[in-house]
Amino acid sequence: MRSLEDGFAAINDSKKQIFLFDDFLGRVALDKHALAQKDSELARFMSRIRRSPNARFILTTRGYIFEEARRVSEHLGDQRLDVTKYVLDVGIYTRRIKARILYNHLLVAETPKTYIRALVEGDSLAAIIDHRNYNPRVIEAMTDAFRIADIEPSKYPAAFLAALKNPSQIWDTAFRTHIDDRCRHLLLTMFFLSEYGVAISVLRTAYDSLHASLSASYGLPHGPKDFEEALRILEGSFVNIEGEKVSFVNPSLKDYLSTYLRDPELLVRLAPTAKTIDWIVSLWGFVEHNLMSPDQRERIARECVCLIDMIETQPHWRPVRGSSRSLEYNDASNSTRLELLIGWWIDTDDIRFADAAMVVAQNPQQGFGAWSDGEKLIGFFTRLRDRNYGRQFVYENEFLAIIEKALTDIIRWSNSDNLATMVEAVDEAGKALPESILSAVEAAALSEFDDVENRIRDEDSESSLSDHIEALKKFAPRFGVPDAILARAVSSVEDRIAEIEERSAPASSPSFSSTHRQVEKFDNDALRNLFTPLLDE
């Protein structure tokens, strides 16, 4: 699955299913923007999977990214997640596993036999397998025919070991010497777009702006066909194209670019080329993650003044192609825009950013939403009143008054799922919130008990109804609801679930057995014997 929406749509309790969400927090560094959008939904999806007798959910991410996410997300910080955490440590891969990883890549990548023979006959296999920097990404890159084409077979073992010693060198030579500026600009554009694949049309728009600007800055020739030519050159070696989407051919390329881009002079030129708010949010997140100096942050932020109009006016939603009545995500939420603008004002003291923040607060594109904005708007009270930004926002009182009104409206119309999330955020904020918001939350929570039958009458999802019960059980002690009223409300929801269950037969739970394998001896003779068949015609 590439999104939680994919997962919810695919659940079928009558079938055995495994849902895999790969690199769900980002491949190189924590994607805080994406996390803010999906961490509460992620918790809800996990809860849904737990209740299914036939479903299992696997999420992968790097250990250090997960630990950073736990520090900034209450949902991922839940101790119950520790029960299901499994760490794959490259340092404790067995020798046999590392050998089979190398074998598999040589086989699938169809690495020329002359190169494989150089490894087998030159006794380099053991040095590669036992190398302290052994990493599957390096293995994948150094078995790719394109990347090793310039290496003589006799020098392949030495080059392989050199790549393990200095992994960034794998892409550095290819990036700096094998492709031209058109191609490099396209890869830089992609870095700040979705790492799971970006639509060609979106990539073209972002590329045209960045490419024209950098070409003008450095006196480089450029033309209207550069995008198509760059895409054609990069396909297969640097990027994959599947249908209408483009993605990096290998995550290690993004690893390399994350190092290459730690250049304030380059980022200063890239920032004003943004054509979407999400793109500049990604770039600014990169700046924050790499802890650049205050002067560097200020220079980069000042270059973003030209983006203010886009941030104020770009729609959050857009009509779905072919269906004018349906909407789909277009660009960043209004609360994300406010975070960006206030952060820039803090770094630059440029009043234009503060003025823009007030424009967005007063005229949010298509309004504030409970799911996309609720928690962040509550967070503004904590950060501004506790001086988490370091100093007082120039329009603090007026700004918080607008946010207070927006929050009370959001709370009033929130469904039980969103309301449960809002209650948690309100409790965390505590005394930082005005009484009007606390009262609105209490009134909304109590109405869940008064009007429960009307609220669930048209609900056909057992998981949503189960979540509704969980929300009621959380609200009752929090807002002093008597046990009898809670029991009556829960009973109404359970009756609705029973109606739905009558339509389908219950599925039996799958059984899982564990096996224990003995530790196998895997010496150099076994290593050679594993790879020798690859040399057979």
Protein backbone atom coordinates (compact mmCIF):
# COMPACT_ATOMS: atom_id res chain seq x y z
CA MET A 1 0.00 0.00 0.00
CA ARG A 2 1.15 3.52 -0.80
CA SER A 3 -1.42 5.24 1.39
CA LEU A 4 -3.72 4.44 4.29
CA GLU A 5 -6.65 5.04 1.98
CA ASP A 6 -5.42 2.10 -0.12
CA GLY A 7 -5.40 -0.04 3.01
CA PHE A 8 -8.87 0.87 4.23
CA ALA A 9 -10.30 0.26 0.76
CA ALA A 10 -8.72 -3.19 0.47
CA ILE A 11 -9.63 -4.74 3.84
CA ASN A 12 -11.70 -7.89 3.43
CA ASP A 13 -12.21 -9.82 6.67
CA SER A 14 -13.19 -12.98 4.80
CA LYS A 15 -9.73 -13.34 3.23
CA LYS A 16 -6.25 -13.76 4.67
CA GLN A 17 -4.39 -10.53 3.94
CA ILE A 18 -1.03 -8.94 4.68
CA PHE A 19 -0.73 -5.17 4.28
CA LEU A 20 2.79 -3.84 3.71
CA PHE A 21 3.52 -0.12 4.10
CA ASP A 22 7.17 0.30 3.08
CA ASP A 23 9.23 3.26 4.34
CA PHE A 24 6.06 4.72 5.83
CA LEU A 25 7.91 7.55 7.62
CA GLY A 26 10.29 8.51 4.80
CA ARG A 27 13.27 6.83 3.19
CA VAL A 28 16.07 9.19 4.15
CA ALA A 29 14.78 11.37 6.98
CA LEU A 30 11.54 11.74 8.90
CA ASP A 31 8.87 13.27 6.68
CA LYS A 32 7.17 15.38 9.37
CA HIS A 33 4.65 16.78 6.89
CA ALA A 34 3.47 13.31 5.90
CA LEU A 35 3.52 12.14 9.52
CA ALA A 36 1.32 15.01 10.60
CA GLN A 37 -1.17 14.04 7.90
CA LYS A 38 -1.37 10.36 8.72
CA ASP A 39 -0.28 9.50 12.27
CA SER A 40 -3.81 9.52 13.74
CA GLU A 41 -5.15 7.71 10.68
CA LEU A 42 -2.33 5.21 11.09
CA ALA A 43 -3.43 4.51 14.65
CA ARG A 44 -6.99 3.99 13.43
CA PHE A 45 -5.86 1.61 10.69
CA MET A 46 -3.81 -0.38 13.21
CA SER A 47 -6.85 -0.63 15.45
CA ARG A 48 -8.90 -1.86 12.50
CA ILE A 49 -6.33 -4.55 11.63
CA ARG A 50 -6.22 -5.76 15.25
CA ARG A 51 -9.93 -6.49 15.10
CA SER A 52 -9.68 -8.50 11.89
CA PRO A 53 -9.17 -12.26 12.36
CA ASN A 54 -7.39 -12.57 9.01
CA ALA A 55 -5.29 -9.42 8.57
CA ARG A 56 -1.71 -8.59 9.47
CA PHE A 57 -0.01 -5.19 9.03
CA ILE A 58 3.71 -4.70 8.42
CA LEU A 59 5.30 -1.25 8.44
CA THR A 60 8.95 -0.68 7.62
CA THR A 61 11.19 2.28 8.38
CA ARG A 62 14.71 2.95 9.53
CA GLY A 63 15.24 2.68 13.26
CA TYR A 64 16.46 6.24 13.80
CA ILE A 65 13.53 7.64 11.79
CA PHE A 66 11.06 5.67 13.91
CA GLU A 67 12.61 6.92 17.14
CA GLU A 68 12.42 10.54 15.92
CA ALA A 69 8.79 10.02 14.92
CA ARG A 70 7.97 8.67 18.39
CA ARG A 71 9.25 11.92 19.90
CA VAL A 72 6.94 14.09 17.81
CA SER A 73 3.85 11.86 17.51
CA GLU A 74 1.69 10.83 20.43
CA HIS A 75 0.17 8.01 18.39
CA LEU A 76 3.52 6.49 17.46
CA GLY A 77 4.74 7.05 21.00
CA ASP A 78 2.08 4.64 22.29
CA GLN A 79 3.88 1.95 24.30
CA ARG A 80 1.65 -0.70 22.77
CA LEU A 81 3.60 -0.35 19.53
CA ASP A 82 6.71 -1.70 21.25
CA VAL A 83 5.06 -5.11 21.44
CA THR A 84 5.12 -5.39 17.68
CA LYS A 85 8.49 -3.80 16.90
CA TYR A 86 11.09 -5.97 15.20
CA VAL A 87 14.53 -4.55 14.45
CA LEU A 88 16.46 -5.89 11.47
CA ASP A 89 20.06 -5.04 12.27
CA VAL A 90 22.40 -5.33 9.29
CA GLY A 91 25.18 -5.86 11.79
CA ILE A 92 23.65 -9.16 12.89
CA TYR A 93 22.75 -10.58 9.49
CA THR A 94 24.18 -14.08 9.33
CA ARG A 95 26.90 -14.76 6.82
CA ARG A 96 24.54 -16.98 4.82
CA ILE A 97 21.85 -14.26 4.66
CA LYS A 98 24.32 -11.64 3.43
CA ALA A 99 25.65 -14.07 0.83
CA ARG A 100 22.14 -14.86 -0.42
CA ILE A 101 21.33 -11.15 -0.69
CA LEU A 102 24.36 -10.68 -2.92
CA TYR A 103 23.53 -13.83 -4.89
CA ASN A 104 19.96 -12.66 -5.46
CA HIS A 105 21.01 -9.25 -6.76
CA LEU A 106 23.58 -10.71 -9.12
CA LEU A 107 20.95 -13.09 -10.48
CA VAL A 108 18.04 -10.67 -10.81
CA ALA A 109 20.15 -7.77 -12.15
CA GLU A 110 21.69 -10.14 -14.73
CA THR A 111 25.15 -8.91 -13.86
CA PRO A 112 27.51 -10.03 -16.67
CA LYS A 113 29.23 -13.35 -15.95
CA THR A 114 32.66 -11.81 -16.48
CA TYR A 115 32.06 -9.66 -13.41
CA ILE A 116 30.70 -12.56 -11.35
CA ARG A 117 33.71 -14.68 -12.34
CA ALA A 118 36.03 -11.91 -11.13
CA LEU A 119 34.34 -12.07 -7.73
CA VAL A 120 34.35 -15.87 -7.46
CA GLU A 121 37.80 -16.59 -8.83
CA GLY A 122 39.44 -13.62 -7.16
CA ASP A 123 38.34 -14.73 -3.69
CA SER A 124 36.64 -11.37 -3.10
CA LEU A 125 33.30 -12.80 -2.03
CA ALA A 126 34.34 -13.27 1.58
CA ALA A 127 35.75 -9.73 1.80
CA ILE A 128 32.47 -8.30 0.49
CA ILE A 129 30.21 -10.47 2.65
CA ASP A 130 32.24 -9.81 5.81
CA HIS A 131 32.79 -6.08 5.19
CA ARG A 132 31.83 -3.94 8.21
CA ASN A 133 29.88 -1.56 5.93
CA TYR A 134 27.90 -4.33 4.22
CA ASN A 135 24.58 -2.80 3.17
CA PRO A 136 21.88 -4.14 0.80
CA ARG A 137 21.61 -0.75 -0.92
CA VAL A 138 25.28 -0.83 -1.82
CA ILE A 139 24.88 -4.42 -3.01
CA GLU A 140 21.97 -3.42 -5.25
CA ALA A 141 23.86 -0.49 -6.74
CA MET A 142 27.08 -2.43 -7.38
CA THR A 143 25.30 -5.26 -9.20
CA ASP A 144 23.52 -2.92 -11.61
CA ALA A 145 24.90 -3.28 -15.12
CA PHE A 146 24.58 0.45 -15.90
CA ARG A 147 26.57 1.58 -12.89
CA ILE A 148 29.40 -0.89 -13.39
CA ALA A 149 29.63 -0.56 -17.17
CA ASP A 150 32.70 1.71 -16.95
CA ILE A 151 34.54 -0.73 -14.69
CA GLU A 152 36.76 -3.40 -16.21
CA PRO A 153 35.77 -6.89 -14.98
CA SER A 154 39.24 -7.45 -13.51
CA LYS A 155 38.85 -4.28 -11.42
CA TYR A 156 35.27 -5.04 -10.36
CA PRO A 157 36.13 -6.68 -6.99
CA ALA A 158 38.29 -3.71 -5.96
CA ALA A 159 35.58 -1.27 -7.06
CA PHE A 160 32.98 -3.23 -5.11
CA LEU A 161 35.05 -3.05 -1.93
CA ALA A 162 35.74 0.64 -2.52
CA ALA A 163 31.98 1.25 -2.75
CA LEU A 164 31.48 -0.48 0.59
CA LYS A 165 34.20 1.68 2.10
CA ASN A 166 32.67 4.88 0.67
CA PRO A 167 29.02 4.26 -0.38
CA SER A 168 28.38 7.81 -1.60
CA GLN A 169 30.94 7.30 -4.35
CA ILE A 170 28.52 4.93 -6.12
CA TRP A 171 26.28 7.77 -7.20
CA ASP A 172 28.74 10.65 -7.02
CA THR A 173 30.64 9.73 -10.16
CA ALA A 174 27.49 8.95 -12.14
CA PHE A 175 25.72 12.12 -10.97
CA ARG A 176 28.62 14.47 -11.60
CA THR A 177 30.05 13.04 -14.83
CA HIS A 178 27.61 10.64 -16.54
CA ILE A 179 24.67 13.02 -16.93
CA ASP A 180 24.27 16.67 -17.91
CA ASP A 181 22.72 19.63 -16.10
CA ARG A 182 19.25 18.96 -17.51
CA CYS A 183 19.26 15.57 -15.83
CA ARG A 184 20.80 16.77 -12.59
CA HIS A 185 18.13 19.45 -12.31
CA LEU A 186 15.40 16.86 -12.77
CA LEU A 187 16.79 14.71 -9.96
CA LEU A 188 17.04 17.73 -7.66
CA THR A 189 13.42 18.54 -8.47
CA MET A 190 12.33 15.00 -7.61
CA PHE A 191 14.11 15.03 -4.26
CA PHE A 192 11.52 17.38 -2.77
CA LEU A 193 8.53 15.61 -4.34
CA SER A 194 6.85 12.40 -3.21
CA GLU A 195 9.39 9.61 -2.86
CA TYR A 196 6.73 7.04 -3.70
CA GLY A 197 6.38 8.33 -7.22
CA VAL A 198 5.29 11.64 -8.70
CA ALA A 199 2.95 12.25 -11.62
CA ILE A 200 4.78 13.26 -14.79
CA SER A 201 2.61 16.37 -15.12
CA VAL A 202 3.46 17.50 -11.57
CA LEU A 203 7.14 16.77 -12.10
CA ARG A 204 7.18 18.75 -15.36
CA THR A 205 5.70 21.84 -13.72
CA ALA A 206 8.20 21.75 -10.85
CA TYR A 207 11.11 20.96 -13.18
CA ASP A 208 10.40 23.73 -15.68
CA SER A 209 10.56 26.35 -12.93
CA LEU A 210 13.69 24.98 -11.24
CA HIS A 211 15.53 24.23 -14.48
CA ALA A 212 14.89 27.66 -15.99
CA SER A 213 15.98 29.42 -12.81
CA LEU A 214 19.19 27.43 -12.26
CA SER A 215 20.11 27.62 -15.94
CA ALA A 216 19.73 31.40 -15.86
CA SER A 217 21.73 31.68 -12.61
CA TYR A 218 24.66 29.65 -13.94
CA GLY A 219 24.51 30.73 -17.59
CA LEU A 220 23.49 27.28 -18.88
CA PRO A 221 21.63 26.70 -22.16
CA HIS A 222 18.08 25.36 -21.85
CA GLY A 223 15.15 24.69 -24.15
CA PRO A 224 11.52 23.52 -24.29
CA LYS A 225 12.44 19.85 -24.87
CA ASP A 226 14.79 19.52 -21.89
CA PHE A 227 12.27 17.75 -19.68
CA GLU A 228 11.50 14.99 -22.17
CA GLU A 229 15.18 14.53 -22.99
CA ALA A 230 16.22 14.39 -19.34
CA LEU A 231 13.51 11.86 -18.55
CA ARG A 232 14.54 9.70 -21.50
CA ILE A 233 18.21 9.76 -20.48
CA LEU A 234 17.53 8.99 -16.82
CA GLU A 235 14.96 6.23 -17.32
CA GLY A 236 16.24 2.87 -16.16
CA SER A 237 19.50 4.17 -14.72
CA PHE A 238 18.37 6.90 -12.29
CA VAL A 239 14.56 6.81 -12.39
CA ASN A 240 11.76 4.36 -13.03
CA ILE A 241 8.68 5.28 -15.05
CA GLU A 242 5.53 3.28 -14.39
CA GLY A 243 2.50 4.53 -16.27
CA GLU A 244 2.25 8.23 -15.49
CA LYS A 245 4.50 8.16 -12.40
CA VAL A 246 8.24 8.65 -11.96
CA SER A 247 10.29 7.45 -8.97
CA PHE A 248 13.95 7.05 -8.03
CA VAL A 249 15.40 3.80 -9.30
CA ASN A 250 17.01 3.13 -5.92
CA PRO A 251 16.61 4.68 -2.44
CA SER A 252 20.38 5.00 -2.20
CA LEU A 253 20.21 7.71 -4.88
CA LYS A 254 18.07 9.82 -2.56
CA ASP A 255 20.55 9.08 0.23
CA TYR A 256 23.29 10.51 -1.95
CA LEU A 257 21.26 13.58 -2.95
CA SER A 258 20.47 14.31 0.70
CA THR A 259 24.20 14.82 1.20
CA TYR A 260 24.72 16.70 -2.07
CA LEU A 261 21.95 19.16 -1.19
CA ARG A 262 23.44 20.22 2.13
CA ASP A 263 24.66 23.36 0.42
CA PRO A 264 23.06 26.64 1.54
CA GLU A 265 24.09 28.40 -1.68
CA LEU A 266 22.22 25.81 -3.73
CA LEU A 267 19.16 25.81 -1.47
CA VAL A 268 18.97 29.61 -1.68
CA ARG A 269 18.54 29.26 -5.44
CA LEU A 270 16.16 26.32 -5.26
CA ALA A 271 13.68 27.72 -2.72
CA PRO A 272 12.06 30.46 -4.86
CA THR A 273 11.44 28.04 -7.74
CA ALA A 274 8.71 26.17 -5.82
CA LYS A 275 5.44 25.69 -7.70
CA THR A 276 3.60 23.93 -4.88
CA ILE A 277 3.45 24.55 -1.15
CA ASP A 278 4.20 20.89 -0.48
CA TRP A 279 7.48 21.21 -2.40
CA ILE A 280 8.68 24.19 -0.38
CA VAL A 281 7.49 22.53 2.85
CA SER A 282 9.68 19.55 1.93
CA LEU A 283 12.65 21.80 1.17
CA TRP A 284 12.21 23.76 4.39
CA GLY A 285 11.91 20.53 6.35
CA PHE A 286 15.24 19.50 4.83
CA VAL A 287 16.75 22.81 5.98
CA GLU A 288 15.43 22.29 9.53
CA HIS A 289 16.51 18.65 9.67
CA ASN A 290 20.07 19.52 8.69
CA LEU A 291 20.38 22.13 11.44
CA MET A 292 21.71 24.95 9.32
CA SER A 293 22.92 28.08 11.08
CA PRO A 294 20.48 30.93 11.81
CA ASP A 295 22.10 33.08 9.12
CA GLN A 296 21.73 30.33 6.52
CA ARG A 297 18.10 29.69 7.51
CA GLU A 298 17.37 33.41 7.27
CA ARG A 299 18.88 33.67 3.77
CA ILE A 300 16.86 30.73 2.50
CA ALA A 301 13.65 31.93 4.15
CA ARG A 302 13.99 35.43 2.68
CA GLU A 303 14.12 33.94 -0.80
CA CYS A 304 10.61 32.57 -0.16
CA VAL A 305 8.92 35.98 -0.03
CA CYS A 306 8.01 35.54 -3.69
CA LEU A 307 5.97 32.44 -2.75
CA ILE A 308 3.55 34.31 -0.47
CA ASP A 309 0.85 34.78 -3.09
CA MET A 310 0.89 31.05 -3.91
CA ILE A 311 0.66 30.13 -0.23
CA GLU A 312 -2.30 32.49 0.27
CA THR A 313 -4.29 31.44 -2.80
CA GLN A 314 -3.39 27.88 -3.89
CA PRO A 315 -6.47 25.63 -3.39
CA HIS A 316 -6.20 22.87 -0.80
CA TRP A 317 -8.59 20.66 -2.78
CA ARG A 318 -9.25 20.37 -6.51
CA PRO A 319 -12.03 18.74 -8.57
CA VAL A 320 -11.40 15.13 -9.56
CA ARG A 321 -10.83 14.88 -13.30
CA GLY A 322 -14.09 13.83 -14.93
CA SER A 323 -16.12 14.39 -11.77
CA SER A 324 -16.76 18.01 -10.89
CA ARG A 325 -18.68 17.03 -7.74
CA SER A 326 -15.77 15.12 -6.18
CA LEU A 327 -12.62 16.65 -4.73
CA GLU A 328 -9.09 15.35 -4.27
CA TYR A 329 -6.02 16.63 -2.44
CA ASN A 330 -4.23 19.44 -4.30
CA ASP A 331 -1.75 21.15 -1.93
CA ALA A 332 -0.83 21.74 1.70
CA SER A 333 -3.42 22.20 4.44
CA ASN A 334 -4.07 25.67 5.80
CA SER A 335 -2.49 24.87 9.17
CA THR A 336 0.67 23.70 7.39
CA ARG A 337 0.79 27.04 5.57
CA LEU A 338 0.47 28.87 8.87
CA GLU A 339 3.31 26.87 10.42
CA LEU A 340 5.51 27.66 7.44
CA LEU A 341 4.78 31.39 7.41
CA ILE A 342 5.14 31.89 11.16
CA GLY A 343 8.39 29.89 11.09
CA TRP A 344 9.75 32.13 8.33
CA TRP A 345 8.72 35.23 10.26
CA ILE A 346 10.58 33.92 13.32
CA ASP A 347 13.73 33.30 11.25
CA THR A 348 13.65 36.58 9.29
CA ASP A 349 11.55 39.10 11.26
CA ASP A 350 10.09 40.02 7.85
CA ILE A 351 6.60 41.40 8.49
CA ARG A 352 5.42 40.17 5.08
CA PHE A 353 5.41 36.61 6.38
CA ALA A 354 3.41 37.58 9.46
CA ASP A 355 0.93 39.52 7.30
CA ALA A 356 0.55 36.46 5.04
CA ALA A 357 -0.12 34.25 8.05
CA MET A 358 -2.99 36.55 9.02
CA VAL A 359 -4.37 36.41 5.46
CA VAL A 360 -4.38 32.59 5.53
CA ALA A 361 -5.94 32.55 9.01
CA GLN A 362 -8.69 34.95 7.99
CA ASN A 363 -9.29 33.42 4.54
CA PRO A 364 -8.23 29.74 4.66
CA GLN A 365 -8.45 28.10 1.27
CA GLN A 366 -11.71 26.10 1.30
CA GLY A 367 -11.83 26.43 5.07
CA PHE A 368 -10.11 24.67 7.95
CA GLY A 369 -10.77 20.94 8.28
CA ALA A 370 -10.98 18.78 11.39
CA TRP A 371 -8.76 16.01 10.05
CA SER A 372 -6.19 18.17 8.28
CA ASP A 373 -6.03 21.15 10.65
CA GLY A 374 -7.62 20.41 14.03
CA GLU A 375 -4.61 19.17 16.02
CA LYS A 376 -2.24 21.74 14.53
CA LEU A 377 -4.57 24.64 15.31
CA ILE A 378 -4.74 23.49 18.93
CA GLY A 379 -0.95 23.29 18.89
CA PHE A 380 -0.69 26.98 18.01
CA PHE A 381 -2.07 27.93 21.42
CA THR A 382 0.58 25.84 23.18
CA ARG A 383 3.49 27.03 21.06
CA LEU A 384 2.56 30.71 21.00
CA ARG A 385 1.55 31.06 24.64
CA ASP A 386 4.43 28.93 25.93
CA ARG A 387 6.84 30.88 23.70
CA ASN A 388 8.00 27.70 21.96
CA TYR A 389 8.84 29.88 18.95
CA GLY A 390 11.29 31.82 21.10
CA ARG A 391 9.38 35.10 21.13
CA GLN A 392 5.92 36.56 20.83
CA PHE A 393 4.24 36.51 17.43
CA VAL A 394 3.64 40.07 16.30
CA TYR A 395 -0.12 39.49 15.76
CA GLU A 396 -0.54 36.91 18.52
CA ASN A 397 -3.80 38.09 20.08
CA GLU A 398 -5.59 38.68 16.78
CA PHE A 399 -4.25 35.43 15.35
CA LEU A 400 -5.34 33.29 18.31
CA ALA A 401 -8.79 34.89 18.30
CA ILE A 402 -9.27 33.79 14.69
CA ILE A 403 -7.96 30.29 15.46
CA GLU A 404 -10.24 30.06 18.51
CA LYS A 405 -13.31 30.76 16.35
CA ALA A 406 -12.15 28.27 13.69
CA LEU A 407 -11.58 25.56 16.28
CA THR A 408 -14.97 25.92 17.91
CA ASP A 409 -16.59 25.55 14.48
CA ILE A 410 -14.45 22.51 13.63
CA ILE A 411 -15.24 20.82 16.94
CA ARG A 412 -18.95 21.45 16.58
CA TRP A 413 -19.09 19.53 13.27
CA SER A 414 -16.48 16.81 13.93
CA ASN A 415 -17.37 13.13 13.66
CA SER A 416 -16.52 10.77 16.52
CA ASP A 417 -13.12 9.78 15.08
CA ASN A 418 -11.94 13.35 14.63
CA LEU A 419 -13.48 14.41 17.92
CA ALA A 420 -11.58 11.68 19.79
CA THR A 421 -8.34 12.97 18.31
CA MET A 422 -9.28 16.54 19.19
CA VAL A 423 -10.05 15.59 22.79
CA GLU A 424 -6.58 14.06 23.14
CA ALA A 425 -4.99 17.20 21.69
CA VAL A 426 -7.05 19.43 23.99
CA ASP A 427 -6.03 17.42 27.06
CA GLU A 428 -2.39 17.64 26.03
CA ALA A 429 -2.60 21.42 25.54
CA GLY A 430 -4.23 21.87 28.95
CA LYS A 431 -4.35 25.39 30.33
CA ALA A 432 -3.06 26.97 27.13
CA LEU A 433 -6.54 26.75 25.59
CA PRO A 434 -9.36 29.28 26.15
CA GLU A 435 -12.55 28.21 27.91
CA SER A 436 -14.60 28.44 24.70
CA ILE A 437 -12.69 25.56 23.12
CA LEU A 438 -12.91 23.41 26.25
CA SER A 439 -16.66 24.04 26.38
CA ALA A 440 -17.08 23.25 22.68
CA VAL A 441 -15.24 19.93 23.09
CA GLU A 442 -17.37 18.95 26.08
CA ALA A 443 -20.62 19.86 24.30
CA ALA A 444 -19.62 17.91 21.18
CA ALA A 445 -18.61 14.85 23.22
CA LEU A 446 -21.87 14.83 25.21
CA SER A 447 -23.90 15.11 22.02
CA GLU A 448 -22.36 11.82 20.90
CA PHE A 449 -24.40 10.14 23.64
CA ASP A 450 -27.59 12.14 23.13
CA ASP A 451 -27.80 11.53 19.39
CA VAL A 452 -26.01 8.20 18.95
CA GLU A 453 -28.72 6.41 16.94
CA ASN A 454 -28.97 9.15 14.33
CA ARG A 455 -25.19 9.34 14.02
CA ILE A 456 -24.77 5.63 13.24
CA ARG A 457 -27.95 4.98 11.24
CA ASP A 458 -26.21 5.12 7.85
CA GLU A 459 -22.82 3.75 8.95
CA ASP A 460 -22.03 0.39 7.27
CA SER A 461 -18.43 -0.07 8.39
CA GLU A 462 -17.93 -2.38 11.36
CA SER A 463 -14.50 -0.88 12.01
CA SER A 464 -15.88 2.67 12.13
CA LEU A 465 -18.62 1.53 14.48
CA SER A 466 -16.08 -0.21 16.72
CA ASP A 467 -14.04 2.99 16.74
CA HIS A 468 -17.22 4.82 17.72
CA ILE A 469 -17.59 2.54 20.75
CA GLU A 470 -13.98 3.18 21.74
CA ALA A 471 -14.57 6.92 21.46
CA LEU A 472 -17.68 6.71 23.66
CA LYS A 473 -15.75 4.76 26.29
CA LYS A 474 -13.04 7.44 26.31
CA PHE A 475 -15.53 10.32 26.46
CA ALA A 476 -17.64 8.92 29.33
CA PRO A 477 -15.12 9.17 32.20
CA ARG A 478 -13.55 12.29 30.73
CA PHE A 479 -16.84 14.22 30.72
CA GLY A 480 -18.66 12.57 33.63
CA VAL A 481 -21.20 10.54 31.64
CA PRO A 482 -23.09 8.08 33.90
CA ASP A 483 -22.44 4.36 33.31
CA ALA A 484 -26.08 3.74 32.39
CA ILE A 485 -26.00 6.32 29.58
CA LEU A 486 -22.68 4.92 28.30
CA ALA A 487 -24.06 1.37 28.34
CA ARG A 488 -27.17 2.45 26.43
CA ALA A 489 -25.10 4.25 23.78
CA VAL A 490 -22.68 1.33 23.37
CA SER A 491 -25.60 -1.08 23.10
CA SER A 492 -27.07 0.97 20.25
CA VAL A 493 -23.79 0.79 18.33
CA GLU A 494 -23.44 -2.94 19.02
CA ASP A 495 -26.94 -3.52 17.69
CA ARG A 496 -25.93 -1.77 14.48
CA ILE A 497 -22.80 -3.94 14.21
CA ALA A 498 -24.94 -7.06 14.69
CA GLU A 499 -27.18 -5.96 11.80
CA ILE A 500 -24.15 -5.66 9.53
CA GLU A 501 -22.66 -9.00 10.67
CA GLU A 502 -25.83 -10.82 9.66
CA ARG A 503 -25.02 -10.02 6.04
CA SER A 504 -21.76 -11.97 6.02
CA ALA A 505 -20.54 -15.22 7.57
CA PRO A 506 -17.71 -14.88 10.08
CA ALA A 507 -14.28 -15.90 8.90
CA SER A 508 -12.15 -18.37 10.83
CA SER A 509 -8.93 -17.10 12.29
CA PRO A 510 -5.70 -18.18 10.59
CA SER A 511 -3.21 -20.17 12.57
CA PHE A 512 0.47 -19.38 12.58
CA SER A 513 3.16 -21.79 13.59
CA SER A 514 6.73 -20.98 14.50
CA THR A 515 9.72 -23.01 13.42
CA HIS A 516 13.16 -23.16 14.92
CA ARG A 517 16.15 -23.60 12.68
CA GLN A 518 19.51 -24.81 13.75
CA VAL A 519 22.47 -22.54 13.25
CA GLU A 520 24.14 -23.56 10.00
CA LYS A 521 27.83 -23.54 9.29
CA PHE A 522 28.64 -21.32 6.30
CA ASP A 523 32.36 -21.22 5.58
CA ASN A 524 34.25 -19.97 2.50
CA ASP A 525 33.77 -23.28 0.67
CA ALA A 526 30.00 -23.01 1.15
CA LEU A 527 30.18 -19.40 -0.01
CA ARG A 528 31.98 -20.36 -3.24
CA ASN A 529 29.59 -23.26 -3.85
CA LEU A 530 26.62 -20.90 -3.59
CA PHE A 531 27.88 -18.58 -6.34
CA THR A 532 29.47 -21.08 -8.73
CA PRO A 533 26.15 -21.99 -10.45
CA LEU A 534 25.85 -18.36 -11.58
CA LEU A 535 28.79 -19.03 -13.91
CA ASP A 536 27.06 -21.93 -15.66
CA GLU A 537 25.87 -21.33 -19.17
